[in-house]
């Protein structure tokens, strides 16, 4: 018989196992990016995303200003 209690227990146990596995994999998280040389890539991606968001907001502001003047 399938009950909500069994479903909740199944979800809890699966989340617990994923959490424990994730903690065991990252022994030294502060050295994870610097050891592999990926810190520059992460920073470049973040800067690209933020620059895109700012450019979008600026263009949106210009369009709204143009519509307000009409």
PDB file of N, CA and C in Angstrom:
ATOM      1  N   UNK A   1       0.836  -1.175   0.000  1.00  0.00           N
ATOM      2  CA  UNK A   1       0.000   0.000   0.000  1.00  0.00           C
ATOM      3  C   UNK A   1       0.883   1.240   0.000  1.00  0.00           C
ATOM      4  N   UNK A   2       0.584   2.168  -0.887  1.00  0.00           N
ATOM      5  CA  UNK A   2       1.357   3.402  -1.026  1.00  0.00           C
ATOM      6  C   UNK A   2       0.707   4.490  -0.188  1.00  0.00           C
ATOM      7  N   UNK A   3       1.432   4.997   0.771  1.00  0.00           N
ATOM      8  CA  UNK A   3       0.889   6.045   1.632  1.00  0.00           C
ATOM      9  C   UNK A   3       1.768   7.282   1.553  1.00  0.00           C
ATOM     10  N   UNK A   4       1.251   8.382   2.079  1.00  0.00           N
ATOM     11  CA  UNK A   4       2.013   9.618   2.094  1.00  0.00           C
ATOM     12  C   UNK A   4       3.210   9.501   3.033  1.00  0.00           C
ATOM     13  N   UNK A   5       3.078   8.691   4.064  1.00  0.00           N
ATOM     14  CA  UNK A   5       4.189   8.511   5.002  1.00  0.00           C
ATOM     15  C   UNK A   5       5.365   7.823   4.315  1.00  0.00           C
ATOM     16  N   UNK A   6       5.068   6.811   3.534  1.00  0.00           N
ATOM     17  CA  UNK A   6       6.138   6.119   2.801  1.00  0.00           C
ATOM     18  C   UNK A   6       6.758   7.031   1.750  1.00  0.00           C
ATOM     19  N   UNK A   7       5.926   7.813   1.098  1.00  0.00           N
ATOM     20  CA  UNK A   7       6.429   8.735   0.087  1.00  0.00           C
ATOM     21  C   UNK A   7       7.341   9.779   0.728  1.00  0.00           C
ATOM     22  N   UNK A   8       6.919  10.326   1.866  1.00  0.00           N
ATOM     23  CA  UNK A   8       7.735  11.309   2.570  1.00  0.00           C
ATOM     24  C   UNK A   8       9.048  10.716   3.040  1.00  0.00           C
ATOM     25  N   UNK A   9       8.999   9.477   3.542  1.00  0.00           N
ATOM     26  CA  UNK A   9      10.209   8.802   3.993  1.00  0.00           C
ATOM     27  C   UNK A   9      11.153   8.548   2.824  1.00  0.00           C
ATOM     28  N   UNK A  10      10.604   8.168   1.691  1.00  0.00           N
ATOM     29  CA  UNK A  10      11.426   7.930   0.504  1.00  0.00           C
ATOM     30  C   UNK A  10      12.118   9.211   0.047  1.00  0.00           C
ATOM     31  N   UNK A  11      11.384  10.311   0.016  1.00  0.00           N
ATOM     32  CA  UNK A  11      11.968  11.586  -0.394  1.00  0.00           C
ATOM     33  C   UNK A  11      13.045  12.023   0.595  1.00  0.00           C
ATOM     34  N   UNK A  12      12.765  11.893   1.883  1.00  0.00           N
ATOM     35  CA  UNK A  12      13.737  12.285   2.907  1.00  0.00           C
ATOM     36  C   UNK A  12      15.019  11.473   2.799  1.00  0.00           C
ATOM     37  N   UNK A  13      14.900  10.172   2.626  1.00  0.00           N
ATOM     38  CA  UNK A  13      16.087   9.320   2.546  1.00  0.00           C
ATOM     39  C   UNK A  13      16.897   9.606   1.280  1.00  0.00           C
ATOM     40  N   UNK A  14      16.210   9.867   0.175  1.00  0.00           N
ATOM     41  CA  UNK A  14      16.946  10.160  -1.057  1.00  0.00           C
ATOM     42  C   UNK A  14      17.672  11.495  -0.947  1.00  0.00           C
ATOM     43  N   UNK A  15      17.052  12.497  -0.305  1.00  0.00           N
ATOM     44  CA  UNK A  15      17.706  13.792  -0.125  1.00  0.00           C
ATOM     45  C   UNK A  15      18.885  13.676   0.838  1.00  0.00           C
ATOM     46  N   UNK A  16      18.747  12.842   1.846  1.00  0.00           N
ATOM     47  CA  UNK A  16      19.812  12.643   2.808  1.00  0.00           C
ATOM     48  C   UNK A  16      21.029  12.005   2.143  1.00  0.00           C
ATOM     49  N   UNK A  17      20.791  11.029   1.296  1.00  0.00           N
ATOM     50  CA  UNK A  17      21.914  10.359   0.641  1.00  0.00           C
ATOM     51  C   UNK A  17      22.627  11.296  -0.331  1.00  0.00           C
ATOM     52  N   UNK A  18      21.883  12.141  -1.036  1.00  0.00           N
ATOM     53  CA  UNK A  18      22.495  13.088  -1.965  1.00  0.00           C
ATOM     54  C   UNK A  18      23.317  14.109  -1.192  1.00  0.00           C
ATOM     55  N   UNK A  19      22.814  14.564  -0.061  1.00  0.00           N
ATOM     56  CA  UNK A  19      23.539  15.538   0.754  1.00  0.00           C
ATOM     57  C   UNK A  19      24.835  14.945   1.279  1.00  0.00           C
ATOM     58  N   UNK A  20      24.782  13.740   1.750  1.00  0.00           N
ATOM     59  CA  UNK A  20      25.984  13.110   2.280  1.00  0.00           C
ATOM     60  C   UNK A  20      27.009  12.858   1.181  1.00  0.00           C
ATOM     61  N   UNK A  21      26.541  12.476   0.002  1.00  0.00           N
ATOM     62  CA  UNK A  21      27.448  12.243  -1.110  1.00  0.00           C
ATOM     63  C   UNK A  21      28.109  13.549  -1.543  1.00  0.00           C
ATOM     64  N   UNK A  22      27.346  14.644  -1.552  1.00  0.00           N
ATOM     65  CA  UNK A  22      27.892  15.933  -1.948  1.00  0.00           C
ATOM     66  C   UNK A  22      28.940  16.439  -0.977  1.00  0.00           C
ATOM     67  N   UNK A  23      28.766  16.171   0.301  1.00  0.00           N
ATOM     68  CA  UNK A  23      29.739  16.617   1.282  1.00  0.00           C
ATOM     69  C   UNK A  23      31.017  15.804   1.199  1.00  0.00           C
ATOM     70  N   UNK A  24      30.908  14.556   0.859  1.00  0.00           N
ATOM     71  CA  UNK A  24      32.092  13.712   0.792  1.00  0.00           C
ATOM     72  C   UNK A  24      32.945  14.043  -0.434  1.00  0.00           C
ATOM     73  N   UNK A  25      32.321  14.531  -1.500  1.00  0.00           N
ATOM     74  CA  UNK A  25      33.054  14.793  -2.737  1.00  0.00           C
ATOM     75  C   UNK A  25      33.927  16.043  -2.626  1.00  0.00           C
ATOM     76  N   UNK A  26      33.467  17.051  -1.911  1.00  0.00           N
ATOM     77  CA  UNK A  26      34.209  18.303  -1.819  1.00  0.00           C
ATOM     78  C   UNK A  26      34.973  18.338  -0.495  1.00  0.00           C
ATOM     79  N   UNK A  27      36.184  17.853  -0.506  1.00  0.00           N
ATOM     80  CA  UNK A  27      36.955  17.835   0.728  1.00  0.00           C
ATOM     81  C   UNK A  27      37.531  19.209   1.042  1.00  0.00           C
ATOM     82  N   UNK A  28      37.979  19.927   0.015  1.00  0.00           N
ATOM     83  CA  UNK A  28      38.527  21.268   0.205  1.00  0.00           C
ATOM     84  C   UNK A  28      37.867  22.222  -0.780  1.00  0.00           C
ATOM     85  N   UNK A  29      36.699  22.761  -0.436  1.00  0.00           N
ATOM     86  CA  UNK A  29      35.985  23.611  -1.399  1.00  0.00           C
ATOM     87  C   UNK A  29      36.699  24.911  -1.726  1.00  0.00           C
ATOM     88  N   UNK A  30      37.525  25.430  -0.807  1.00  0.00           N
ATOM     89  CA  UNK A  30      38.209  26.695  -1.101  1.00  0.00           C
ATOM     90  C   UNK A  30      39.282  26.523  -2.169  1.00  0.00           C
ATOM     91  N   UNK A  31      39.797  25.311  -2.359  1.00  0.00           N
ATOM     92  CA  UNK A  31      40.820  25.066  -3.374  1.00  0.00           C
ATOM     93  C   UNK A  31      40.259  24.432  -4.636  1.00  0.00           C
ATOM     94  N   UNK A  32      38.953  24.248  -4.681  1.00  0.00           N
ATOM     95  CA  UNK A  32      38.356  23.533  -5.805  1.00  0.00           C
ATOM     96  C   UNK A  32      38.551  24.290  -7.122  1.00  0.00           C
ATOM     97  N   UNK A  33      38.289  25.582  -7.148  1.00  0.00           N
ATOM     98  CA  UNK A  33      38.400  26.340  -8.392  1.00  0.00           C
ATOM     99  C   UNK A  33      39.839  26.724  -8.701  1.00  0.00           C
ATOM    100  N   UNK A  34      40.605  27.063  -7.675  1.00  0.00           N
ATOM    101  CA  UNK A  34      41.964  27.516  -7.928  1.00  0.00           C
ATOM    102  C   UNK A  34      42.876  26.380  -8.348  1.00  0.00           C
ATOM    103  N   UNK A  35      42.646  25.182  -7.843  1.00  0.00           N
ATOM    104  CA  UNK A  35      43.496  24.043  -8.195  1.00  0.00           C
ATOM    105  C   UNK A  35      43.305  23.645  -9.657  1.00  0.00           C
ATOM    106  N   UNK A  36      42.091  23.756 -10.159  1.00  0.00           N
ATOM    107  CA  UNK A  36      41.811  23.349 -11.532  1.00  0.00           C
ATOM    108  C   UNK A  36      41.966  24.490 -12.526  1.00  0.00           C
ATOM    109  N   UNK A  37      42.217  25.694 -12.044  1.00  0.00           N
ATOM    110  CA  UNK A  37      42.355  26.830 -12.934  1.00  0.00           C
ATOM    111  C   UNK A  37      41.045  27.303 -13.511  1.00  0.00           C
ATOM    112  N   UNK A  38      39.939  27.020 -12.844  1.00  0.00           N
ATOM    113  CA  UNK A  38      38.630  27.380 -13.369  1.00  0.00           C
ATOM    114  C   UNK A  38      38.063  28.654 -12.745  1.00  0.00           C
ATOM    115  N   UNK A  39      38.793  29.262 -11.860  1.00  0.00           N
ATOM    116  CA  UNK A  39      38.300  30.472 -11.212  1.00  0.00           C
ATOM    117  C   UNK A  39      38.111  31.591 -12.227  1.00  0.00           C
ATOM    118  N   UNK A  40      39.017  31.715 -13.155  1.00  0.00           N
ATOM    119  CA  UNK A  40      38.895  32.735 -14.199  1.00  0.00           C
ATOM    120  C   UNK A  40      37.672  32.524 -15.067  1.00  0.00           C
ATOM    121  N   UNK A  41      37.363  31.271 -15.352  1.00  0.00           N
ATOM    122  CA  UNK A  41      36.185  30.960 -16.170  1.00  0.00           C
ATOM    123  C   UNK A  41      34.913  31.336 -15.425  1.00  0.00           C
ATOM    124  N   UNK A  42      34.865  31.028 -14.148  1.00  0.00           N
ATOM    125  CA  UNK A  42      33.682  31.355 -13.347  1.00  0.00           C
ATOM    126  C   UNK A  42      33.487  32.864 -13.289  1.00  0.00           C
ATOM    127  N   UNK A  43      34.554  33.602 -13.065  1.00  0.00           N
ATOM    128  CA  UNK A  43      34.463  35.060 -13.010  1.00  0.00           C
ATOM    129  C   UNK A  43      34.051  35.625 -14.364  1.00  0.00           C
ATOM    130  N   UNK A  44      34.591  35.090 -15.435  1.00  0.00           N
ATOM    131  CA  UNK A  44      34.230  35.574 -16.775  1.00  0.00           C
ATOM    132  C   UNK A  44      32.754  35.337 -17.073  1.00  0.00           C
ATOM    133  N   UNK A  45      32.238  34.201 -16.691  1.00  0.00           N
ATOM    134  CA  UNK A  45      30.818  33.900 -16.924  1.00  0.00           C
ATOM    135  C   UNK A  45      29.939  34.841 -16.102  1.00  0.00           C
ATOM    136  N   UNK A  46      30.306  35.058 -14.842  1.00  0.00           N
ATOM    137  CA  UNK A  46      29.526  35.963 -14.001  1.00  0.00           C
ATOM    138  C   UNK A  46      29.538  37.390 -14.533  1.00  0.00           C
ATOM    139  N   UNK A  47      30.693  37.858 -14.968  1.00  0.00           N
ATOM    140  CA  UNK A  47      30.786  39.209 -15.520  1.00  0.00           C
ATOM    141  C   UNK A  47      29.963  39.328 -16.799  1.00  0.00           C
ATOM    142  N   UNK A  48      29.996  38.305 -17.635  1.00  0.00           N
ATOM    143  CA  UNK A  48      29.218  38.316 -18.873  1.00  0.00           C
ATOM    144  C   UNK A  48      27.724  38.371 -18.581  1.00  0.00           C
ATOM    145  N   UNK A  49      27.273  37.574 -17.635  1.00  0.00           N
ATOM    146  CA  UNK A  49      25.851  37.560 -17.291  1.00  0.00           C
ATOM    147  C   UNK A  49      25.434  38.905 -16.707  1.00  0.00           C
ATOM    148  N   UNK A  50      26.223  39.447 -15.796  1.00  0.00           N
ATOM    149  CA  UNK A  50      25.878  40.736 -15.198  1.00  0.00           C
ATOM    150  C   UNK A  50      25.904  41.864 -16.211  1.00  0.00           C
ATOM    151  N   UNK A  51      26.873  41.853 -17.114  1.00  0.00           N
ATOM    152  CA  UNK A  51      26.937  42.879 -18.157  1.00  0.00           C
ATOM    153  C   UNK A  51      25.711  42.789 -19.066  1.00  0.00           C
ATOM    154  N   UNK A  52      25.309  41.584 -19.409  1.00  0.00           N
ATOM    155  CA  UNK A  52      24.109  41.406 -20.230  1.00  0.00           C
ATOM    156  C   UNK A  52      22.860  41.916 -19.531  1.00  0.00           C
ATOM    157  N   UNK A  53      22.751  41.648 -18.237  1.00  0.00           N
ATOM    158  CA  UNK A  53      21.595  42.138 -17.486  1.00  0.00           C
ATOM    159  C   UNK A  53      21.573  43.665 -17.430  1.00  0.00           C
ATOM    160  N   UNK A  54      22.732  44.276 -17.173  1.00  0.00           N
ATOM    161  CA  UNK A  54      22.794  45.731 -17.130  1.00  0.00           C
ATOM    162  C   UNK A  54      22.468  46.347 -18.479  1.00  0.00           C
ATOM    163  N   UNK A  55      22.996  45.794 -19.558  1.00  0.00           N
ATOM    164  CA  UNK A  55      22.688  46.323 -20.884  1.00  0.00           C
ATOM    165  C   UNK A  55      21.200  46.188 -21.197  1.00  0.00           C
ATOM    166  N   UNK A  56      20.609  45.081 -20.800  1.00  0.00           N
ATOM    167  CA  UNK A  56      19.173  44.885 -21.017  1.00  0.00           C
ATOM    168  C   UNK A  56      18.367  45.916 -20.228  1.00  0.00           C
ATOM    169  N   UNK A  57      18.745  46.150 -18.977  1.00  0.00           N
ATOM    170  CA  UNK A  57      18.025  47.133 -18.164  1.00  0.00           C
ATOM    171  C   UNK A  57      18.168  48.542 -18.725  1.00  0.00           C
ATOM    172  N   UNK A  58      19.339  48.884 -19.215  1.00  0.00           N
ATOM    173  CA  UNK A  58      19.549  50.217 -19.798  1.00  0.00           C
ATOM    174  C   UNK A  58      18.698  50.386 -21.050  1.00  0.00           C
ATOM    175  N   UNK A  59      18.683  49.369 -21.920  1.00  0.00           N
ATOM    176  CA  UNK A  59      17.875  49.474 -23.136  1.00  0.00           C
ATOM    177  C   UNK A  59      16.386  49.519 -22.798  1.00  0.00           C
ATOM    178  N   UNK A  60      15.977  48.774 -21.775  1.00  0.00           N
ATOM    179  CA  UNK A  60      14.584  48.793 -21.357  1.00  0.00           C
ATOM    180  C   UNK A  60      14.197  50.163 -20.800  1.00  0.00           C
ATOM    181  N   UNK A  61      15.103  50.771 -20.062  1.00  0.00           N
ATOM    182  CA  UNK A  61      14.853  52.106 -19.517  1.00  0.00           C
ATOM    183  C   UNK A  61      14.713  53.132 -20.630  1.00  0.00           C
ATOM    184  N   UNK A  62      15.549  53.027 -21.651  1.00  0.00           N
ATOM    185  CA  UNK A  62      15.462  53.951 -22.784  1.00  0.00           C
ATOM    186  C   UNK A  62      14.134  53.793 -23.519  1.00  0.00           C
ATOM    187  N   UNK A  63      13.678  52.564 -23.690  1.00  0.00           N
ATOM    188  CA  UNK A  63      12.407  52.323 -24.367  1.00  0.00           C
ATOM    189  C   UNK A  63      11.242  52.874 -23.551  1.00  0.00           C
ATOM    190  N   UNK A  64      11.295  52.681 -22.246  1.00  0.00           N
ATOM    191  CA  UNK A  64      10.220  53.189 -21.381  1.00  0.00           C
ATOM    192  C   UNK A  64      10.223  54.714 -21.396  1.00  0.00           C
ATOM    193  N   UNK A  65      11.393  55.327 -21.359  1.00  0.00           N
ATOM    194  CA  UNK A  65      11.484  56.784 -21.411  1.00  0.00           C
ATOM    195  C   UNK A  65      10.917  57.328 -22.710  1.00  0.00           C
ATOM    196  N   UNK A  66      11.191  56.654 -23.819  1.00  0.00           N
ATOM    197  CA  UNK A  66      10.661  57.067 -25.115  1.00  0.00           C
ATOM    198  C   UNK A  66       9.142  56.969 -25.141  1.00  0.00           C
ATOM    199  N   UNK A  67       8.602  55.896 -24.533  1.00  0.00           N
ATOM    200  CA  UNK A  67       7.149  55.737 -24.503  1.00  0.00           C
ATOM    201  C   UNK A  67       6.496  56.776 -23.589  1.00  0.00           C
ATOM    202  N   UNK A  68       7.157  57.170 -22.511  1.00  0.00           N
ATOM    203  CA  UNK A  68       6.612  58.171 -21.602  1.00  0.00           C
ATOM    204  C   UNK A  68       6.559  59.543 -22.259  1.00  0.00           C
ATOM    205  N   UNK A  69       7.515  59.840 -23.129  1.00  0.00           N
ATOM    206  CA  UNK A  69       7.537  61.143 -23.789  1.00  0.00           C
ATOM    207  C   UNK A  69       6.413  61.285 -24.821  1.00  0.00           C
ATOM    208  N   UNK A  70       5.947  60.164 -25.361  1.00  0.00           N
ATOM    209  CA  UNK A  70       4.885  60.217 -26.388  1.00  0.00           C
ATOM    210  C   UNK A  70       3.556  60.547 -25.826  1.00  0.00           C
TER     211      UNK A  70
END
